[in-house]
C-alpha atoms as a PDB file:
ATOM      1  CA  UNK A   1      79.037  23.911  85.766  1.00  0.00           C
ATOM      2  CA  UNK A   2      78.221  26.632  83.315  1.00  0.00           C
ATOM      3  CA  UNK A   3      79.640  30.029  84.156  1.00  0.00           C
ATOM      4  CA  UNK A   4      77.211  32.750  85.043  1.00  0.00           C
ATOM      5  CA  UNK A   5      77.846  35.894  83.054  1.00  0.00           C
ATOM      6  CA  UNK A   6      77.095  39.152  84.779  1.00  0.00           C
ATOM      7  CA  UNK A   7      75.190  41.602  82.590  1.00  0.00           C
ATOM      8  CA  UNK A   8      77.252  44.594  81.504  1.00  0.00           C
ATOM      9  CA  UNK A   9      75.969  48.004  82.435  1.00  0.00           C
ATOM     10  CA  UNK A  10      77.123  51.379  81.177  1.00  0.00           C
ATOM     11  CA  UNK A  11      78.982  53.544  83.680  1.00  0.00           C
ATOM     12  CA  UNK A  12      77.204  56.758  84.590  1.00  0.00           C
ATOM     13  CA  UNK A  13      78.593  59.684  86.570  1.00  0.00           C
ATOM     14  CA  UNK A  14      76.286  61.923  88.513  1.00  0.00           C
ATOM     15  CA  UNK A  15      77.404  65.478  87.691  1.00  0.00           C
ATOM     16  CA  UNK A  16      74.981  67.179  90.064  1.00  0.00           C
ATOM     17  CA  UNK A  17      77.510  67.545  92.872  1.00  0.00           C
ATOM     18  CA  UNK A  18      80.181  68.921  90.506  1.00  0.00           C
ATOM     19  CA  UNK A  19      77.767  71.531  89.124  1.00  0.00           C
ATOM     20  CA  UNK A  20      76.896  72.587  92.662  1.00  0.00           C
ATOM     21  CA  UNK A  21      80.575  73.004  93.537  1.00  0.00           C
ATOM     22  CA  UNK A  22      81.228  74.993  90.344  1.00  0.00           C
ATOM     23  CA  UNK A  23      78.405  77.427  91.084  1.00  0.00           C
ATOM     24  CA  UNK A  24      79.517  77.762  94.707  1.00  0.00           C
ATOM     25  CA  UNK A  25      83.059  78.631  93.567  1.00  0.00           C
ATOM     26  CA  UNK A  26      81.719  81.084  90.993  1.00  0.00           C
ATOM     27  CA  UNK A  27      79.568  82.781  93.629  1.00  0.00           C
ATOM     28  CA  UNK A  28      82.499  82.944  96.046  1.00  0.00           C
ATOM     29  CA  UNK A  29      84.823  84.606  93.528  1.00  0.00           C
ATOM     30  CA  UNK A  30      82.123  87.089  92.489  1.00  0.00           C
ATOM     31  CA  UNK A  31      81.560  88.137  96.095  1.00  0.00           C
ATOM     32  CA  UNK A  32      85.211  88.065  97.172  1.00  0.00           C
ATOM     33  CA  UNK A  33      86.715  89.878  94.188  1.00  0.00           C
ATOM     34  CA  UNK A  34      87.845  93.430  94.917  1.00  0.00           C
ATOM     35  CA  UNK A  35      87.630  95.720  91.929  1.00  0.00           C
ATOM     36  CA  UNK A  36      90.331  98.334  91.483  1.00  0.00           C
ATOM     37  CA  UNK A  37      88.987 101.873  91.962  1.00  0.00           C
ATOM     38  CA  UNK A  38      88.758 103.942  88.814  1.00  0.00           C
ATOM     39  CA  UNK A  39      91.732 106.232  88.310  1.00  0.00           C
ATOM     40  CA  UNK A  40      90.873 109.959  88.398  1.00  0.00           C
ATOM     41  CA  UNK A  41      92.673 110.783  85.140  1.00  0.00           C
ATOM     42  CA  UNK A  42      93.362 109.044  81.853  1.00  0.00           C
ATOM     43  CA  UNK A  43      97.036 108.777  80.963  1.00  0.00           C
ATOM     44  CA  UNK A  44      98.489 107.623  77.644  1.00  0.00           C
ATOM     45  CA  UNK A  45     102.016 106.484  78.342  1.00  0.00           C
ATOM     46  CA  UNK A  46     104.817 106.763  75.767  1.00  0.00           C
ATOM     47  CA  UNK A  47     106.014 103.557  74.107  1.00  0.00           C
ATOM     48  CA  UNK A  48     109.319 101.806  74.665  1.00  0.00           C
ATOM     49  CA  UNK A  49     110.922  98.445  73.932  1.00  0.00           C
ATOM     50  CA  UNK A  50     111.442  97.598  77.609  1.00  0.00           C
ATOM     51  CA  UNK A  51     109.928  94.270  78.688  1.00  0.00           C
ATOM     52  CA  UNK A  52     110.767  94.560  82.380  1.00  0.00           C
ATOM     53  CA  UNK A  53     107.612  93.565  84.316  1.00  0.00           C
ATOM     54  CA  UNK A  54     106.256  95.963  86.898  1.00  0.00           C
ATOM     55  CA  UNK A  55     106.022  94.900  90.547  1.00  0.00           C
ATOM     56  CA  UNK A  56     102.606  93.556  91.485  1.00  0.00           C
ATOM     57  CA  UNK A  57     102.486  94.557  95.163  1.00  0.00           C
ATOM     58  CA  UNK A  58     103.638  97.329  97.511  1.00  0.00           C
ATOM     59  CA  UNK A  59     103.482  99.954  94.773  1.00  0.00           C
ATOM     60  CA  UNK A  60     103.663 103.717  95.151  1.00  0.00           C
ATOM     61  CA  UNK A  61     102.174 105.165  91.968  1.00  0.00           C
ATOM     62  CA  UNK A  62     102.874 108.752  90.947  1.00  0.00           C
ATOM     63  CA  UNK A  63     100.753 109.788  87.959  1.00  0.00           C
ATOM     64  CA  UNK A  64     101.391 112.844  85.787  1.00  0.00           C
ATOM     65  CA  UNK A  65      98.506 113.692  83.442  1.00  0.00           C
ATOM     66  CA  UNK A  66      98.739 115.576  80.106  1.00  0.00           C
ATOM     67  CA  UNK A  67      98.324 118.902  81.943  1.00  0.00           C
ATOM     68  CA  UNK A  68     101.256 118.124  84.250  1.00  0.00           C
ATOM     69  CA  UNK A  69      99.025 117.551  87.283  1.00  0.00           C
ATOM     70  CA  UNK A  70     100.389 115.082  89.821  1.00  0.00           C
ATOM     71  CA  UNK A  71      98.337 112.337  91.516  1.00  0.00           C
ATOM     72  CA  UNK A  72      99.540 110.015  94.258  1.00  0.00           C
ATOM     73  CA  UNK A  73      98.485 106.534  95.329  1.00  0.00           C
ATOM     74  CA  UNK A  74      99.613 103.300  96.981  1.00  0.00           C
ATOM     75  CA  UNK A  75      97.984  99.963  96.204  1.00  0.00           C
ATOM     76  CA  UNK A  76      97.592  98.271  99.605  1.00  0.00           C
ATOM     77  CA  UNK A  77      94.303  99.151 101.333  1.00  0.00           C
ATOM     78  CA  UNK A  78      95.613  98.404 104.833  1.00  0.00           C
ATOM     79  CA  UNK A  79      98.689 100.516 104.143  1.00  0.00           C
ATOM     80  CA  UNK A  80      96.486 103.323 102.869  1.00  0.00           C
ATOM     81  CA  UNK A  81      94.793 103.389 106.286  1.00  0.00           C
ATOM     82  CA  UNK A  82      98.158 103.694 108.022  1.00  0.00           C
ATOM     83  CA  UNK A  83      99.354 106.276 105.500  1.00  0.00           C
ATOM     84  CA  UNK A  84      96.384 108.603 105.937  1.00  0.00           C
ATOM     85  CA  UNK A  85      96.701 108.302 109.731  1.00  0.00           C
ATOM     86  CA  UNK A  86     100.344 109.348 109.497  1.00  0.00           C
ATOM     87  CA  UNK A  87      99.603 112.160 107.022  1.00  0.00           C
ATOM     88  CA  UNK A  88      96.854 113.423 109.316  1.00  0.00           C
ATOM     89  CA  UNK A  89      99.252 113.503 112.276  1.00  0.00           C
ATOM     90  CA  UNK A  90     102.074 115.035 110.233  1.00  0.00           C
ATOM     91  CA  UNK A  91     100.025 117.816 108.637  1.00  0.00           C
ATOM     92  CA  UNK A  92      97.429 118.271 111.421  1.00  0.00           C
ATOM     93  CA  UNK A  93      94.538 117.946 108.975  1.00  0.00           C
ATOM     94  CA  UNK A  94      91.891 116.946 111.530  1.00  0.00           C
ATOM     95  CA  UNK A  95      90.454 114.157 109.375  1.00  0.00           C
ATOM     96  CA  UNK A  96      87.465 112.147 110.612  1.00  0.00           C
ATOM     97  CA  UNK A  97      87.335 108.351 110.521  1.00  0.00           C
ATOM     98  CA  UNK A  98      84.877 108.498 107.619  1.00  0.00           C
ATOM     99  CA  UNK A  99      87.226 110.753 105.648  1.00  0.00           C
ATOM    100  CA  UNK A 100      90.115 108.380 106.342  1.00  0.00           C
ATOM    101  CA  UNK A 101      87.979 105.469 105.148  1.00  0.00           C
ATOM    102  CA  UNK A 102      87.220 107.403 101.960  1.00  0.00           C
ATOM    103  CA  UNK A 103      90.958 107.664 101.319  1.00  0.00           C
ATOM    104  CA  UNK A 104      91.557 103.989 102.144  1.00  0.00           C
ATOM    105  CA  UNK A 105      89.008 102.679  99.627  1.00  0.00           C
ATOM    106  CA  UNK A 106      89.625 105.328  96.959  1.00  0.00           C
ATOM    107  CA  UNK A 107      92.139 105.605  94.159  1.00  0.00           C
ATOM    108  CA  UNK A 108      94.715 108.321  93.526  1.00  0.00           C
ATOM    109  CA  UNK A 109      94.464 111.763  95.109  1.00  0.00           C
ATOM    110  CA  UNK A 110      95.558 114.944  93.372  1.00  0.00           C
ATOM    111  CA  UNK A 111      94.606 117.827  95.633  1.00  0.00           C
ATOM    112  CA  UNK A 112      96.732 120.040  97.915  1.00  0.00           C
ATOM    113  CA  UNK A 113      96.658 119.332 101.654  1.00  0.00           C
ATOM    114  CA  UNK A 114      94.507 122.429 102.162  1.00  0.00           C
ATOM    115  CA  UNK A 115      91.748 120.773 100.104  1.00  0.00           C
ATOM    116  CA  UNK A 116      92.236 117.150 101.176  1.00  0.00           C
ATOM    117  CA  UNK A 117      89.738 117.161 104.055  1.00  0.00           C
ATOM    118  CA  UNK A 118      86.909 118.633 101.997  1.00  0.00           C
ATOM    119  CA  UNK A 119      87.777 116.334  99.075  1.00  0.00           C
ATOM    120  CA  UNK A 120      87.578 113.179 101.211  1.00  0.00           C
ATOM    121  CA  UNK A 121      84.257 114.376 102.647  1.00  0.00           C
ATOM    122  CA  UNK A 122      82.687 114.347  99.150  1.00  0.00           C
ATOM    123  CA  UNK A 123      80.838 111.459  97.530  1.00  0.00           C
ATOM    124  CA  UNK A 124      82.516 109.701  94.548  1.00  0.00           C
ATOM    125  CA  UNK A 125      80.606 111.719  91.935  1.00  0.00           C
ATOM    126  CA  UNK A 126      81.658 115.008  93.516  1.00  0.00           C
ATOM    127  CA  UNK A 127      85.258 113.792  93.692  1.00  0.00           C
ATOM    128  CA  UNK A 128      85.180 113.016  89.959  1.00  0.00           C
ATOM    129  CA  UNK A 129      84.104 116.587  89.284  1.00  0.00           C
ATOM    130  CA  UNK A 130      86.937 117.955  91.426  1.00  0.00           C
ATOM    131  CA  UNK A 131      89.448 115.692  89.669  1.00  0.00           C
ATOM    132  CA  UNK A 132      88.703 117.538  86.429  1.00  0.00           C
ATOM    133  CA  UNK A 133      89.666 120.924  87.888  1.00  0.00           C
ATOM    134  CA  UNK A 134      92.145 120.181  90.681  1.00  0.00           C
ATOM    135  CA  UNK A 135      95.649 121.641  90.243  1.00  0.00           C
ATOM    136  CA  UNK A 136      97.191 118.355  91.382  1.00  0.00           C
ATOM    137  CA  UNK A 137      99.615 117.799  94.234  1.00  0.00           C
ATOM    138  CA  UNK A 138     102.080 120.721  94.440  1.00  0.00           C
ATOM    139  CA  UNK A 139     105.664 119.716  93.682  1.00  0.00           C
ATOM    140  CA  UNK A 140     109.060 121.334  93.291  1.00  0.00           C
ATOM    141  CA  UNK A 141     112.586 120.283  92.443  1.00  0.00           C
ATOM    142  CA  UNK A 142     113.685 120.729  96.081  1.00  0.00           C
ATOM    143  CA  UNK A 143     112.399 118.595  98.953  1.00  0.00           C
ATOM    144  CA  UNK A 144     113.156 121.416 101.414  1.00  0.00           C
ATOM    145  CA  UNK A 145     110.608 123.676  99.730  1.00  0.00           C
ATOM    146  CA  UNK A 146     107.512 123.814 101.954  1.00  0.00           C
ATOM    147  CA  UNK A 147     105.334 123.999  98.855  1.00  0.00           C
ATOM    148  CA  UNK A 148     106.593 120.606  97.686  1.00  0.00           C
ATOM    149  CA  UNK A 149     103.727 118.542  99.066  1.00  0.00           C
ATOM    150  CA  UNK A 150     104.663 115.563  96.897  1.00  0.00           C
ATOM    151  CA  UNK A 151     107.833 115.310  98.992  1.00  0.00           C
ATOM    152  CA  UNK A 152     105.683 114.968 102.124  1.00  0.00           C
ATOM    153  CA  UNK A 153     103.553 112.213 100.584  1.00  0.00           C
ATOM    154  CA  UNK A 154     106.641 110.271  99.504  1.00  0.00           C
ATOM    155  CA  UNK A 155     108.404 110.709 102.845  1.00  0.00           C
ATOM    156  CA  UNK A 156     105.423 109.591 104.933  1.00  0.00           C
ATOM    157  CA  UNK A 157     104.634 106.695 102.588  1.00  0.00           C
ATOM    158  CA  UNK A 158     108.209 105.409 102.733  1.00  0.00           C
ATOM    159  CA  UNK A 159     108.217 105.713 106.514  1.00  0.00           C
ATOM    160  CA  UNK A 160     104.943 103.776 106.604  1.00  0.00           C
ATOM    161  CA  UNK A 161     106.323 101.008 104.394  1.00  0.00           C
ATOM    162  CA  UNK A 162     110.044 101.090 103.468  1.00  0.00           C
ATOM    163  CA  UNK A 163     109.451  98.233 100.996  1.00  0.00           C
ATOM    164  CA  UNK A 164     107.341 100.381  98.688  1.00  0.00           C
ATOM    165  CA  UNK A 165     108.444 100.256  95.061  1.00  0.00           C
ATOM    166  CA  UNK A 166     107.921 103.465  93.140  1.00  0.00           C
ATOM    167  CA  UNK A 167     106.350 103.715  89.698  1.00  0.00           C
ATOM    168  CA  UNK A 168     105.972 106.915  87.656  1.00  0.00           C
ATOM    169  CA  UNK A 169     103.147 106.881  85.118  1.00  0.00           C
ATOM    170  CA  UNK A 170     103.423 110.000  82.990  1.00  0.00           C
ATOM    171  CA  UNK A 171     101.392 110.930  79.925  1.00  0.00           C
ATOM    172  CA  UNK A 172     103.345 111.219  76.701  1.00  0.00           C
ATOM    173  CA  UNK A 173     102.162 114.827  76.335  1.00  0.00           C
ATOM    174  CA  UNK A 174     103.144 115.898  79.859  1.00  0.00           C
ATOM    175  CA  UNK A 175     105.803 118.605  79.914  1.00  0.00           C
ATOM    176  CA  UNK A 176     109.302 117.572  80.956  1.00  0.00           C
ATOM    177  CA  UNK A 177     109.650 120.222  83.726  1.00  0.00           C
ATOM    178  CA  UNK A 178     106.683 118.663  85.566  1.00  0.00           C
ATOM    179  CA  UNK A 179     108.167 115.174  85.326  1.00  0.00           C
ATOM    180  CA  UNK A 180     111.540 116.598  86.384  1.00  0.00           C
ATOM    181  CA  UNK A 181     109.918 117.831  89.608  1.00  0.00           C
ATOM    182  CA  UNK A 182     108.875 114.270  90.424  1.00  0.00           C
ATOM    183  CA  UNK A 183     112.299 112.803  89.670  1.00  0.00           C
ATOM    184  CA  UNK A 184     114.108 115.591  91.559  1.00  0.00           C
ATOM    185  CA  UNK A 185     111.875 115.035  94.578  1.00  0.00           C
ATOM    186  CA  UNK A 186     112.755 111.333  94.600  1.00  0.00           C
ATOM    187  CA  UNK A 187     116.441 112.179  94.283  1.00  0.00           C
ATOM    188  CA  UNK A 188     116.084 114.645  97.154  1.00  0.00           C
ATOM    189  CA  UNK A 189     115.074 111.723  99.401  1.00  0.00           C
ATOM    190  CA  UNK A 190     118.007 109.657  98.037  1.00  0.00           C
ATOM    191  CA  UNK A 191     115.679 107.488  95.950  1.00  0.00           C
ATOM    192  CA  UNK A 192     117.440 106.626  92.716  1.00  0.00           C
ATOM    193  CA  UNK A 193     115.632 103.420  91.795  1.00  0.00           C
ATOM    194  CA  UNK A 194     112.118 103.628  90.369  1.00  0.00           C
ATOM    195  CA  UNK A 195     110.072 102.364  87.435  1.00  0.00           C
ATOM    196  CA  UNK A 196     108.796 104.400  84.480  1.00  0.00           C
ATOM    197  CA  UNK A 197     105.590 102.903  83.099  1.00  0.00           C
ATOM    198  CA  UNK A 198     105.536 102.763  79.283  1.00  0.00           C
ATOM    199  CA  UNK A 199     103.647 100.983  76.541  1.00  0.00           C
ATOM    200  CA  UNK A 200     105.400  98.142  74.734  1.00  0.00           C
ATOM    201  CA  UNK A 201     106.380  98.496  71.094  1.00  0.00           C
ATOM    202  CA  UNK A 202     108.387  96.341  68.720  1.00  0.00           C
ATOM    203  CA  UNK A 203     112.171  96.463  68.713  1.00  0.00           C
ATOM    204  CA  UNK A 204     113.412  98.438  65.655  1.00  0.00           C
ATOM    205  CA  UNK A 205     115.399  96.200  63.274  1.00  0.00           C
ATOM    206  CA  UNK A 206     119.084  97.003  63.008  1.00  0.00           C
ATOM    207  CA  UNK A 207     119.436  98.256  66.561  1.00  0.00           C
ATOM    208  CA  UNK A 208     121.636  96.714  69.242  1.00  0.00           C
ATOM    209  CA  UNK A 209     118.540  95.747  71.231  1.00  0.00           C
ATOM    210  CA  UNK A 210     117.154  93.955  68.158  1.00  0.00           C
ATOM    211  CA  UNK A 211     120.370  91.938  67.748  1.00  0.00           C
ATOM    212  CA  UNK A 212     120.521  91.047  71.444  1.00  0.00           C
ATOM    213  CA  UNK A 213     116.917  89.883  71.493  1.00  0.00           C
ATOM    214  CA  UNK A 214     117.360  87.910  68.283  1.00  0.00           C
ATOM    215  CA  UNK A 215     120.415  86.141  69.713  1.00  0.00           C
ATOM    216  CA  UNK A 216     118.608  85.449  72.978  1.00  0.00           C
ATOM    217  CA  UNK A 217     115.499  83.940  71.391  1.00  0.00           C
ATOM    218  CA  UNK A 218     117.031  82.421  68.292  1.00  0.00           C
ATOM    219  CA  UNK A 219     113.994  83.594  66.368  1.00  0.00           C
ATOM    220  CA  UNK A 220     113.105  86.571  64.238  1.00  0.00           C
ATOM    221  CA  UNK A 221     112.093  89.471  66.450  1.00  0.00           C
ATOM    222  CA  UNK A 222     108.665  90.886  65.747  1.00  0.00           C
END
């Protein structure tokens, strides 16, 4: 008997379902993404050759702007809620739930405790205006000084979450005495391990770091 040959047909794939899934995923990520609040001040960090990566969670960020003003923040929104509750109890600020929510969803704060309640009661545009004129969080080289409000923020934050890792982001034009206040405050609470945020620059040829990196990579260091 002669063999019956089946006609060959080209294989087609219906991409409709895949396109639907792609758009659903895109929509989900657009709606679920949480954008980082805008920082109140612009800081240009000094450069260094350090390539140590910064921690990506549980961060306490202390910012020092070019004028030496100090701003304070932690990254976890849920922790920020607990922190402002504890600060309110500790300093008897009388904050409302709406003011606490403003702190929880905001960025860094740089006002004294005496101005914190009124600051959190403002809308974002008003807060931006205040950020331009605020004196920053008062600090001193001694944690026992009642005027050292940075010491209170650090103490309460560490009590709220002992796993917090501390990063100092200071402008290259900030005066050393202001940065010294931050470091001395940390030392006053027996905190000797923290990160200094810097910009990355190339390793200078001829230095020990250049030789070590060249030996480690086996390539010419850029």
